[in-house]
N, C-alpha and C. Protein backbone atom coordinates (compact mmCIF):
# COMPACT_ATOMS: atom_id res chain seq x y z
N UNK A 1 0.83 -1.20 0.00
CA UNK A 1 0.00 0.00 0.00
C UNK A 1 0.87 1.25 0.00
N UNK A 2 1.94 1.24 0.80
CA UNK A 2 2.81 2.41 0.84
C UNK A 2 3.44 2.69 -0.51
N UNK A 3 3.82 1.64 -1.25
CA UNK A 3 4.45 1.83 -2.55
C UNK A 3 3.46 2.43 -3.55
N UNK A 4 2.18 2.08 -3.44
CA UNK A 4 1.16 2.66 -4.32
C UNK A 4 1.00 4.15 -4.02
N UNK A 5 0.94 4.50 -2.75
CA UNK A 5 0.80 5.91 -2.35
C UNK A 5 2.05 6.69 -2.77
N UNK A 6 3.23 6.12 -2.54
CA UNK A 6 4.48 6.79 -2.91
C UNK A 6 4.57 6.96 -4.42
N UNK A 7 4.17 5.92 -5.16
CA UNK A 7 4.18 6.00 -6.62
C UNK A 7 3.22 7.06 -7.12
N UNK A 8 2.03 7.12 -6.52
CA UNK A 8 1.05 8.14 -6.90
C UNK A 8 1.56 9.54 -6.60
N UNK A 9 2.21 9.72 -5.47
CA UNK A 9 2.77 11.02 -5.12
C UNK A 9 3.86 11.43 -6.09
N UNK A 10 4.69 10.48 -6.52
CA UNK A 10 5.75 10.77 -7.48
C UNK A 10 5.16 11.20 -8.82
N UNK A 11 4.15 10.49 -9.29
CA UNK A 11 3.49 10.86 -10.54
C UNK A 11 2.90 12.25 -10.45
N UNK A 12 2.21 12.56 -9.37
CA UNK A 12 1.64 13.90 -9.18
C UNK A 12 2.71 14.97 -9.16
N UNK A 13 3.82 14.69 -8.51
CA UNK A 13 4.93 15.66 -8.46
C UNK A 13 5.49 15.91 -9.85
N UNK A 14 5.65 14.87 -10.64
CA UNK A 14 6.17 15.04 -12.00
C UNK A 14 5.20 15.80 -12.88
N UNK A 15 3.91 15.49 -12.78
CA UNK A 15 2.91 16.21 -13.55
C UNK A 15 2.88 17.67 -13.14
N UNK A 16 2.89 17.95 -11.84
CA UNK A 16 2.84 19.33 -11.34
C UNK A 16 4.06 20.11 -11.82
N UNK A 17 5.25 19.50 -11.82
CA UNK A 17 6.46 20.18 -12.29
C UNK A 17 6.31 20.59 -13.74
N UNK A 18 5.79 19.69 -14.58
CA UNK A 18 5.58 20.02 -15.99
C UNK A 18 4.58 21.13 -16.17
N UNK A 19 3.48 21.10 -15.45
CA UNK A 19 2.46 22.14 -15.55
C UNK A 19 3.02 23.47 -15.08
N UNK A 20 3.77 23.46 -13.97
CA UNK A 20 4.34 24.69 -13.44
C UNK A 20 5.31 25.32 -14.43
N UNK A 21 6.16 24.52 -15.07
CA UNK A 21 7.12 25.04 -16.04
C UNK A 21 6.38 25.65 -17.23
N UNK A 22 5.32 24.97 -17.70
CA UNK A 22 4.57 25.50 -18.83
C UNK A 22 3.89 26.80 -18.47
N UNK A 23 3.26 26.86 -17.31
CA UNK A 23 2.59 28.09 -16.88
C UNK A 23 3.60 29.21 -16.66
N UNK A 24 4.80 28.87 -16.24
CA UNK A 24 5.84 29.87 -15.99
C UNK A 24 6.33 30.55 -17.24
N UNK A 25 6.07 29.98 -18.39
CA UNK A 25 6.51 30.57 -19.66
C UNK A 25 5.60 31.71 -20.10
N UNK A 26 4.35 31.70 -19.65
CA UNK A 26 3.40 32.75 -20.02
C UNK A 26 3.89 34.09 -19.48
N UNK A 27 3.92 35.10 -20.35
CA UNK A 27 4.34 36.44 -19.95
C UNK A 27 5.19 37.09 -21.03
N UNK A 28 5.80 38.21 -20.67
CA UNK A 28 6.65 38.96 -21.60
C UNK A 28 8.11 38.79 -21.22
N UNK A 29 8.93 38.64 -22.25
CA UNK A 29 10.37 38.41 -22.10
C UNK A 29 11.10 39.38 -23.02
N UNK A 30 12.19 39.99 -22.53
CA UNK A 30 12.90 40.93 -23.39
C UNK A 30 14.41 40.71 -23.32
N UNK A 31 15.06 41.10 -24.39
CA UNK A 31 16.52 41.00 -24.49
C UNK A 31 16.94 41.61 -25.82
N UNK A 32 18.11 41.21 -26.29
CA UNK A 32 18.57 41.71 -27.58
C UNK A 32 19.46 40.67 -28.24
N UNK A 33 19.52 40.77 -29.57
CA UNK A 33 20.36 39.87 -30.33
C UNK A 33 21.82 40.26 -30.12
N UNK A 34 22.71 39.46 -30.64
CA UNK A 34 24.15 39.77 -30.54
C UNK A 34 24.49 41.06 -31.29
N UNK A 35 23.64 41.44 -32.25
CA UNK A 35 23.84 42.69 -33.00
C UNK A 35 23.21 43.89 -32.31
N UNK A 36 22.54 43.66 -31.19
CA UNK A 36 21.92 44.75 -30.44
C UNK A 36 20.48 45.04 -30.82
N UNK A 37 19.86 44.19 -31.62
CA UNK A 37 18.46 44.38 -32.00
C UNK A 37 17.56 43.98 -30.84
N UNK A 38 16.67 44.89 -30.39
CA UNK A 38 15.76 44.55 -29.29
C UNK A 38 14.76 43.46 -29.69
N UNK A 39 14.55 42.52 -28.76
CA UNK A 39 13.62 41.41 -28.96
C UNK A 39 12.68 41.34 -27.76
N UNK A 40 11.39 41.18 -28.03
CA UNK A 40 10.40 40.94 -26.97
C UNK A 40 9.54 39.75 -27.40
N UNK A 41 9.40 38.79 -26.52
CA UNK A 41 8.48 37.68 -26.72
C UNK A 41 7.32 37.87 -25.75
N UNK A 42 6.10 37.85 -26.28
CA UNK A 42 4.90 37.92 -25.45
C UNK A 42 4.20 36.59 -25.65
N UNK A 43 4.28 35.71 -24.66
CA UNK A 43 3.86 34.32 -24.81
C UNK A 43 2.68 33.95 -23.92
N UNK A 44 1.85 33.05 -24.43
CA UNK A 44 0.76 32.46 -23.68
C UNK A 44 0.80 30.96 -23.90
N UNK A 45 0.72 30.21 -22.80
CA UNK A 45 0.71 28.75 -22.87
C UNK A 45 -0.66 28.25 -22.42
N UNK A 46 -1.25 27.37 -23.23
CA UNK A 46 -2.49 26.70 -22.85
C UNK A 46 -2.29 25.23 -23.21
N UNK A 47 -2.33 24.39 -22.17
CA UNK A 47 -2.01 22.98 -22.32
C UNK A 47 -0.58 22.89 -22.88
N UNK A 48 -0.40 22.29 -24.05
CA UNK A 48 0.95 22.19 -24.63
C UNK A 48 1.10 23.13 -25.83
N UNK A 49 0.13 24.05 -26.01
CA UNK A 49 0.16 24.98 -27.14
C UNK A 49 0.74 26.33 -26.71
N UNK A 50 1.59 26.88 -27.55
CA UNK A 50 2.22 28.18 -27.30
C UNK A 50 1.75 29.15 -28.37
N UNK A 51 1.32 30.34 -27.96
CA UNK A 51 0.92 31.39 -28.90
C UNK A 51 1.51 32.70 -28.42
N UNK A 52 1.47 33.70 -29.30
CA UNK A 52 1.97 35.00 -28.90
C UNK A 52 2.60 35.76 -30.04
N UNK A 53 3.48 36.68 -29.65
CA UNK A 53 4.10 37.59 -30.60
C UNK A 53 5.59 37.71 -30.32
N UNK A 54 6.37 37.73 -31.39
CA UNK A 54 7.79 38.05 -31.33
C UNK A 54 7.93 39.46 -31.88
N UNK A 55 8.41 40.38 -31.07
CA UNK A 55 8.62 41.75 -31.54
C UNK A 55 10.11 41.95 -31.72
N UNK A 56 10.49 42.26 -32.96
CA UNK A 56 11.89 42.41 -33.32
C UNK A 56 12.10 43.84 -33.82
N UNK A 57 12.92 44.58 -33.10
CA UNK A 57 13.21 45.97 -33.46
C UNK A 57 11.93 46.78 -33.62
N UNK A 58 10.96 46.55 -32.71
CA UNK A 58 9.70 47.29 -32.71
C UNK A 58 8.64 46.76 -33.65
N UNK A 59 8.94 45.74 -34.44
CA UNK A 59 8.00 45.18 -35.40
C UNK A 59 7.40 43.88 -34.86
N UNK A 60 6.09 43.86 -34.54
CA UNK A 60 5.46 42.64 -34.01
C UNK A 60 5.27 41.60 -35.11
N UNK A 61 5.57 40.34 -34.77
CA UNK A 61 5.44 39.22 -35.69
C UNK A 61 4.70 38.12 -34.94
N UNK A 62 3.54 37.67 -35.44
CA UNK A 62 2.83 36.59 -34.76
C UNK A 62 3.63 35.29 -34.85
N UNK A 63 3.59 34.51 -33.77
CA UNK A 63 4.26 33.21 -33.82
C UNK A 63 3.23 32.14 -34.21
N UNK A 64 3.72 31.06 -34.81
CA UNK A 64 2.85 29.97 -35.27
C UNK A 64 3.43 28.64 -34.84
N UNK A 65 2.60 27.62 -34.85
CA UNK A 65 3.03 26.25 -34.55
C UNK A 65 3.79 26.14 -33.23
N UNK A 66 3.38 26.93 -32.24
CA UNK A 66 4.06 26.91 -30.94
C UNK A 66 3.70 25.69 -30.12
N UNK A 67 4.73 25.08 -29.53
CA UNK A 67 4.53 23.89 -28.69
C UNK A 67 5.42 23.99 -27.46
N UNK A 68 4.93 23.44 -26.35
CA UNK A 68 5.69 23.42 -25.10
C UNK A 68 5.76 21.99 -24.60
N UNK A 69 6.95 21.60 -24.16
CA UNK A 69 7.15 20.29 -23.55
C UNK A 69 8.12 20.46 -22.39
N UNK A 70 7.60 20.29 -21.18
CA UNK A 70 8.40 20.50 -19.96
C UNK A 70 8.98 21.91 -19.98
N UNK A 71 10.31 22.06 -19.98
CA UNK A 71 10.88 23.41 -19.94
C UNK A 71 11.38 23.87 -21.31
N UNK A 72 11.02 23.17 -22.38
CA UNK A 72 11.43 23.59 -23.72
C UNK A 72 10.21 24.00 -24.54
N UNK A 73 10.46 24.83 -25.55
CA UNK A 73 9.38 25.27 -26.42
C UNK A 73 9.91 25.50 -27.82
N UNK A 74 9.01 25.43 -28.80
CA UNK A 74 9.35 25.68 -30.19
C UNK A 74 8.25 26.53 -30.81
N UNK A 75 8.61 27.30 -31.83
CA UNK A 75 7.62 28.06 -32.59
C UNK A 75 8.24 28.49 -33.91
N UNK A 76 7.40 29.01 -34.79
CA UNK A 76 7.85 29.55 -36.07
C UNK A 76 7.39 30.99 -36.18
N UNK A 77 8.18 31.80 -36.88
CA UNK A 77 7.83 33.19 -37.14
C UNK A 77 8.40 33.58 -38.50
N UNK A 78 7.68 34.44 -39.20
CA UNK A 78 8.14 34.89 -40.52
C UNK A 78 8.94 36.17 -40.36
N UNK A 79 10.23 36.09 -40.69
CA UNK A 79 11.13 37.23 -40.59
C UNK A 79 11.73 37.49 -41.97
N UNK A 80 11.60 38.74 -42.45
CA UNK A 80 12.09 39.10 -43.78
C UNK A 80 11.56 38.14 -44.84
N UNK A 81 10.26 37.87 -44.80
CA UNK A 81 9.57 36.99 -45.76
C UNK A 81 10.06 35.55 -45.76
N UNK A 82 10.74 35.13 -44.69
CA UNK A 82 11.21 33.75 -44.57
C UNK A 82 10.72 33.17 -43.25
N UNK A 83 10.13 31.97 -43.31
CA UNK A 83 9.68 31.30 -42.10
C UNK A 83 10.89 30.74 -41.37
N UNK A 84 11.05 31.15 -40.11
CA UNK A 84 12.17 30.69 -39.28
C UNK A 84 11.62 29.84 -38.14
N UNK A 85 12.34 28.78 -37.81
CA UNK A 85 11.99 27.93 -36.68
C UNK A 85 12.87 28.29 -35.50
N UNK A 86 12.25 28.39 -34.32
CA UNK A 86 12.95 28.75 -33.09
C UNK A 86 12.77 27.65 -32.06
N UNK A 87 13.76 27.52 -31.20
CA UNK A 87 13.67 26.64 -30.04
C UNK A 87 14.11 27.44 -28.83
N UNK A 88 13.53 27.14 -27.67
CA UNK A 88 13.91 27.85 -26.45
C UNK A 88 13.79 26.96 -25.23
N UNK A 89 14.39 27.45 -24.15
CA UNK A 89 14.35 26.76 -22.86
C UNK A 89 14.03 27.75 -21.77
N UNK A 90 13.11 27.38 -20.90
CA UNK A 90 12.76 28.17 -19.73
C UNK A 90 13.71 27.82 -18.61
N UNK A 91 14.30 28.84 -17.98
CA UNK A 91 15.20 28.63 -16.85
C UNK A 91 14.94 29.73 -15.82
N UNK A 92 13.94 29.50 -14.95
CA UNK A 92 13.59 30.50 -13.93
C UNK A 92 12.99 31.74 -14.55
N UNK A 93 13.59 32.89 -14.27
CA UNK A 93 13.12 34.16 -14.81
C UNK A 93 13.86 34.57 -16.08
N UNK A 94 14.33 33.59 -16.83
CA UNK A 94 14.93 33.87 -18.12
C UNK A 94 14.65 32.72 -19.08
N UNK A 95 14.71 33.03 -20.37
CA UNK A 95 14.61 32.00 -21.40
C UNK A 95 15.80 32.16 -22.34
N UNK A 96 16.25 31.04 -22.87
CA UNK A 96 17.26 31.03 -23.92
C UNK A 96 16.52 30.66 -25.20
N UNK A 97 16.75 31.44 -26.25
CA UNK A 97 16.06 31.23 -27.53
C UNK A 97 17.08 31.28 -28.65
N UNK A 98 16.90 30.38 -29.65
CA UNK A 98 17.81 30.39 -30.80
C UNK A 98 17.06 30.00 -32.06
N UNK A 99 17.61 30.46 -33.20
CA UNK A 99 17.14 30.03 -34.50
C UNK A 99 17.64 28.61 -34.73
N UNK A 100 16.75 27.71 -35.13
CA UNK A 100 17.15 26.32 -35.32
C UNK A 100 18.27 26.18 -36.35
N UNK A 101 18.23 26.97 -37.41
CA UNK A 101 19.24 26.85 -38.46
C UNK A 101 20.62 27.32 -38.00
N UNK A 102 20.68 28.10 -36.92
CA UNK A 102 21.97 28.58 -36.41
C UNK A 102 22.48 27.76 -35.23
N UNK A 103 21.60 27.05 -34.57
CA UNK A 103 22.01 26.18 -33.47
C UNK A 103 21.98 26.83 -32.11
N UNK A 104 22.01 25.96 -31.11
CA UNK A 104 21.90 26.36 -29.71
C UNK A 104 23.03 27.30 -29.26
N UNK A 105 24.20 27.15 -29.84
CA UNK A 105 25.33 27.99 -29.42
C UNK A 105 25.13 29.47 -29.73
N UNK A 106 24.12 29.79 -30.53
CA UNK A 106 23.82 31.19 -30.85
C UNK A 106 22.68 31.75 -30.00
N UNK A 107 22.27 31.01 -28.97
CA UNK A 107 21.12 31.41 -28.14
C UNK A 107 21.31 32.80 -27.55
N UNK A 108 20.18 33.51 -27.48
CA UNK A 108 20.16 34.78 -26.76
C UNK A 108 19.35 34.56 -25.49
N UNK A 109 19.62 35.38 -24.49
CA UNK A 109 18.92 35.27 -23.22
C UNK A 109 17.93 36.42 -23.09
N UNK A 110 16.69 36.06 -22.79
CA UNK A 110 15.64 37.04 -22.56
C UNK A 110 15.22 36.96 -21.10
N UNK A 111 15.02 38.12 -20.50
CA UNK A 111 14.61 38.20 -19.09
C UNK A 111 13.12 38.53 -19.03
N UNK A 112 12.48 38.01 -17.99
CA UNK A 112 11.06 38.29 -17.79
C UNK A 112 10.86 39.78 -17.52
N UNK A 113 9.85 40.37 -18.17
CA UNK A 113 9.47 41.75 -17.90
C UNK A 113 8.54 41.72 -16.70
N UNK A 114 8.92 42.37 -15.64
CA UNK A 114 8.09 42.42 -14.43
C UNK A 114 6.93 43.37 -14.67
N UNK A 115 5.74 42.92 -14.30
CA UNK A 115 4.55 43.76 -14.44
C UNK A 115 4.56 44.83 -13.35
N UNK A 116 4.24 46.04 -13.72
CA UNK A 116 4.19 47.14 -12.78
C UNK A 116 3.03 46.95 -11.81
N UNK A 117 3.27 47.25 -10.56
CA UNK A 117 2.21 47.16 -9.55
C UNK A 117 1.33 48.41 -9.54
N UNK A 118 1.77 49.46 -10.24
CA UNK A 118 1.02 50.70 -10.28
C UNK A 118 0.20 50.72 -11.56
N UNK A 119 -1.13 50.80 -11.45
CA UNK A 119 -1.96 50.81 -12.67
C UNK A 119 -1.73 52.06 -13.47
N UNK A 120 -1.87 51.93 -14.80
CA UNK A 120 -1.74 53.10 -15.68
C UNK A 120 -2.96 53.99 -15.52
N UNK A 121 -2.75 55.30 -15.45
CA UNK A 121 -3.90 56.23 -15.29
C UNK A 121 -4.74 56.29 -16.54
């Protein structure tokens, strides 16, 4: 009986960790490319689906085919009339994101944008 309860608790802990990581990705993230171009990701996670906007140098670009699995995510965005595939990893209050064609070693780091506690007038 104890092994069944322990096994059930382990399964719940693993499921909760996955859900928490996915929910933690929802929000706004900002940083810049190695060339200094400002990047903002505005992401929403529902179940394993990722949606939102990639804003590059002030130009918003909708993301497509977004997916989340544990602490990793993927999506596509059209940049300069070319569909680009992206991969990223959630790590606390930052994400690492890279173009698939350039590889993980080119990842940029985006930090979570903290929401202001003061409402806009």
